[in-house]
């Protein structure tokens, strides 16, 4: 069974930084893209950053404060710096994964990790 396991959520002061990590476990043929979304209370889930096999993509609001890296095929890290209270949200790892004996990719989600930024 494929799972995405996140870590790194924390409560930090504004201006601080933190790193989130996500690891895919289980058996699968390939991961096309891995990335991070976030959902603040009362708001829709939004893309923060995504990295495909070729290049990263950032949501404009966090682009200057965010770095996404994919160290290997199963792991994606997100570094956030100069955090502001509006960054407070549950951060979800997302991956597009293809199983064996299929050409289709399925979206998988982690359970979410809380990031709280206080002023």
C-alpha atoms as a PDB file:
ATOM      1  CA  UNK A   1       0.000   0.000   0.000  1.00  0.00           C
ATOM      2  CA  UNK A   2       1.399   3.373  -1.006  1.00  0.00           C
ATOM      3  CA  UNK A   3       1.624   5.999   1.727  1.00  0.00           C
ATOM      4  CA  UNK A   4       3.038   9.504   2.010  1.00  0.00           C
ATOM      5  CA  UNK A   5       4.493  10.279   5.410  1.00  0.00           C
ATOM      6  CA  UNK A   6       5.145  13.922   6.310  1.00  0.00           C
ATOM      7  CA  UNK A   7       7.257  15.418   9.054  1.00  0.00           C
ATOM      8  CA  UNK A   8       8.545  18.803  10.149  1.00  0.00           C
ATOM      9  CA  UNK A   9       5.440  20.773  11.021  1.00  0.00           C
ATOM     10  CA  UNK A  10       5.924  23.110  13.952  1.00  0.00           C
ATOM     11  CA  UNK A  11       4.962  26.333  15.673  1.00  0.00           C
ATOM     12  CA  UNK A  12       7.401  29.115  14.859  1.00  0.00           C
ATOM     13  CA  UNK A  13       7.748  32.863  15.272  1.00  0.00           C
ATOM     14  CA  UNK A  14       7.232  35.193  12.326  1.00  0.00           C
ATOM     15  CA  UNK A  15      10.480  35.655  10.448  1.00  0.00           C
ATOM     16  CA  UNK A  16      11.620  32.149  11.248  1.00  0.00           C
ATOM     17  CA  UNK A  17      12.069  29.180   8.969  1.00  0.00           C
ATOM     18  CA  UNK A  18      11.326  25.478   8.888  1.00  0.00           C
ATOM     19  CA  UNK A  19      11.664  22.411   6.712  1.00  0.00           C
ATOM     20  CA  UNK A  20       9.023  19.875   5.819  1.00  0.00           C
ATOM     21  CA  UNK A  21       9.820  16.419   4.546  1.00  0.00           C
ATOM     22  CA  UNK A  22       7.703  13.766   2.817  1.00  0.00           C
ATOM     23  CA  UNK A  23       8.628  10.192   2.043  1.00  0.00           C
ATOM     24  CA  UNK A  24       6.666   7.792  -0.137  1.00  0.00           C
ATOM     25  CA  UNK A  25       6.524   4.223   1.064  1.00  0.00           C
ATOM     26  CA  UNK A  26       5.189   1.053  -0.504  1.00  0.00           C
ATOM     27  CA  UNK A  27       5.636  -0.520  -3.904  1.00  0.00           C
ATOM     28  CA  UNK A  28       5.148   1.486  -7.071  1.00  0.00           C
ATOM     29  CA  UNK A  29       6.665   1.900 -10.518  1.00  0.00           C
ATOM     30  CA  UNK A  30       7.238   5.626 -10.690  1.00  0.00           C
ATOM     31  CA  UNK A  31       6.470   9.025  -9.166  1.00  0.00           C
ATOM     32  CA  UNK A  32       5.970  11.730 -11.774  1.00  0.00           C
ATOM     33  CA  UNK A  33       5.725  14.671  -9.427  1.00  0.00           C
ATOM     34  CA  UNK A  34       5.859  15.411  -5.715  1.00  0.00           C
ATOM     35  CA  UNK A  35       4.956  18.566  -3.927  1.00  0.00           C
ATOM     36  CA  UNK A  36       3.178  20.457  -1.202  1.00  0.00           C
ATOM     37  CA  UNK A  37      -0.242  22.018  -0.812  1.00  0.00           C
ATOM     38  CA  UNK A  38      -1.595  23.891   2.167  1.00  0.00           C
ATOM     39  CA  UNK A  39      -5.011  24.599   3.592  1.00  0.00           C
ATOM     40  CA  UNK A  40      -5.685  27.409   6.040  1.00  0.00           C
ATOM     41  CA  UNK A  41      -8.837  27.411   8.206  1.00  0.00           C
ATOM     42  CA  UNK A  42     -11.884  28.302   6.135  1.00  0.00           C
ATOM     43  CA  UNK A  43      -9.946  28.347   2.885  1.00  0.00           C
ATOM     44  CA  UNK A  44      -9.470  25.991  -0.039  1.00  0.00           C
ATOM     45  CA  UNK A  45      -6.402  23.867  -0.428  1.00  0.00           C
ATOM     46  CA  UNK A  46      -3.767  25.626  -2.539  1.00  0.00           C
ATOM     47  CA  UNK A  47      -0.542  24.657  -4.216  1.00  0.00           C
ATOM     48  CA  UNK A  48       2.667  25.773  -2.531  1.00  0.00           C
ATOM     49  CA  UNK A  49       5.271  24.088  -4.700  1.00  0.00           C
ATOM     50  CA  UNK A  50       5.643  21.060  -6.909  1.00  0.00           C
ATOM     51  CA  UNK A  51       8.635  19.384  -8.486  1.00  0.00           C
ATOM     52  CA  UNK A  52       8.442  17.102 -11.463  1.00  0.00           C
ATOM     53  CA  UNK A  53      11.182  14.903 -12.797  1.00  0.00           C
ATOM     54  CA  UNK A  54      12.563  17.952 -14.587  1.00  0.00           C
ATOM     55  CA  UNK A  55      11.942  21.190 -12.709  1.00  0.00           C
ATOM     56  CA  UNK A  56      10.234  22.825  -9.729  1.00  0.00           C
ATOM     57  CA  UNK A  57       7.124  24.960  -9.855  1.00  0.00           C
ATOM     58  CA  UNK A  58       6.195  27.474  -7.163  1.00  0.00           C
ATOM     59  CA  UNK A  59       3.005  29.251  -6.246  1.00  0.00           C
ATOM     60  CA  UNK A  60       3.659  32.947  -6.690  1.00  0.00           C
ATOM     61  CA  UNK A  61       2.875  34.061  -3.147  1.00  0.00           C
ATOM     62  CA  UNK A  62       5.641  31.975  -1.609  1.00  0.00           C
ATOM     63  CA  UNK A  63       8.095  31.734  -4.484  1.00  0.00           C
ATOM     64  CA  UNK A  64      10.713  34.049  -2.977  1.00  0.00           C
ATOM     65  CA  UNK A  65      10.509  32.349   0.414  1.00  0.00           C
ATOM     66  CA  UNK A  66      10.382  28.734  -0.590  1.00  0.00           C
ATOM     67  CA  UNK A  67      12.684  26.029  -1.909  1.00  0.00           C
ATOM     68  CA  UNK A  68      11.518  22.588  -2.929  1.00  0.00           C
ATOM     69  CA  UNK A  69      13.951  19.756  -3.508  1.00  0.00           C
ATOM     70  CA  UNK A  70      13.518  16.169  -4.479  1.00  0.00           C
ATOM     71  CA  UNK A  71      16.519  14.335  -3.117  1.00  0.00           C
ATOM     72  CA  UNK A  72      15.556  10.997  -4.564  1.00  0.00           C
ATOM     73  CA  UNK A  73      12.521   9.502  -6.262  1.00  0.00           C
ATOM     74  CA  UNK A  74      10.714   8.922  -2.976  1.00  0.00           C
ATOM     75  CA  UNK A  75      11.473  12.065  -0.985  1.00  0.00           C
ATOM     76  CA  UNK A  76      10.522  15.698  -1.296  1.00  0.00           C
ATOM     77  CA  UNK A  77      11.551  18.514   1.035  1.00  0.00           C
ATOM     78  CA  UNK A  78      10.153  22.002   1.382  1.00  0.00           C
ATOM     79  CA  UNK A  79      12.101  24.807   3.024  1.00  0.00           C
ATOM     80  CA  UNK A  80      10.134  27.877   4.047  1.00  0.00           C
ATOM     81  CA  UNK A  81      11.855  31.024   5.271  1.00  0.00           C
ATOM     82  CA  UNK A  82      10.808  34.476   6.478  1.00  0.00           C
ATOM     83  CA  UNK A  83       7.555  32.921   7.655  1.00  0.00           C
ATOM     84  CA  UNK A  84       4.514  35.152   8.159  1.00  0.00           C
ATOM     85  CA  UNK A  85       1.266  34.447  10.055  1.00  0.00           C
ATOM     86  CA  UNK A  86      -0.560  33.913   6.728  1.00  0.00           C
ATOM     87  CA  UNK A  87       1.615  30.846   6.212  1.00  0.00           C
ATOM     88  CA  UNK A  88      -0.305  29.177   9.048  1.00  0.00           C
ATOM     89  CA  UNK A  89      -2.013  26.122   7.595  1.00  0.00           C
ATOM     90  CA  UNK A  90      -2.040  22.368   7.398  1.00  0.00           C
ATOM     91  CA  UNK A  91       0.561  21.384   4.807  1.00  0.00           C
ATOM     92  CA  UNK A  92      -0.144  18.299   2.716  1.00  0.00           C
ATOM     93  CA  UNK A  93       2.291  16.272   0.684  1.00  0.00           C
ATOM     94  CA  UNK A  94       1.040  15.233  -2.751  1.00  0.00           C
ATOM     95  CA  UNK A  95       2.461  12.783  -5.236  1.00  0.00           C
ATOM     96  CA  UNK A  96       1.400  11.466  -8.629  1.00  0.00           C
ATOM     97  CA  UNK A  97       2.227   7.777  -8.506  1.00  0.00           C
ATOM     98  CA  UNK A  98       1.994   5.003 -11.039  1.00  0.00           C
ATOM     99  CA  UNK A  99       1.581   1.435  -9.914  1.00  0.00           C
ATOM    100  CA  UNK A 100       2.928  -1.638 -11.627  1.00  0.00           C
ATOM    101  CA  UNK A 101       1.267  -2.936 -14.813  1.00  0.00           C
ATOM    102  CA  UNK A 102      -0.500   0.359 -15.514  1.00  0.00           C
ATOM    103  CA  UNK A 103       0.215   3.568 -17.382  1.00  0.00           C
ATOM    104  CA  UNK A 104      -2.060   5.709 -15.208  1.00  0.00           C
ATOM    105  CA  UNK A 105      -0.945   8.028 -12.413  1.00  0.00           C
ATOM    106  CA  UNK A 106      -3.002   8.486  -9.263  1.00  0.00           C
ATOM    107  CA  UNK A 107      -2.911  11.373  -6.805  1.00  0.00           C
ATOM    108  CA  UNK A 108      -1.846  10.402  -3.304  1.00  0.00           C
ATOM    109  CA  UNK A 109      -2.018  12.641  -0.239  1.00  0.00           C
ATOM    110  CA  UNK A 110      -0.312  12.647   3.104  1.00  0.00           C
ATOM    111  CA  UNK A 111      -2.210  13.081   6.347  1.00  0.00           C
ATOM    112  CA  UNK A 112      -1.083  16.698   6.721  1.00  0.00           C
ATOM    113  CA  UNK A 113       1.258  18.458   9.103  1.00  0.00           C
ATOM    114  CA  UNK A 114       0.407  21.646  10.985  1.00  0.00           C
ATOM    115  CA  UNK A 115       2.479  24.794  10.556  1.00  0.00           C
ATOM    116  CA  UNK A 116       1.623  27.669  12.879  1.00  0.00           C
ATOM    117  CA  UNK A 117       3.317  31.048  12.605  1.00  0.00           C
ATOM    118  CA  UNK A 118       2.827  33.521  15.433  1.00  0.00           C
ATOM    119  CA  UNK A 119       3.475  37.242  15.230  1.00  0.00           C
END
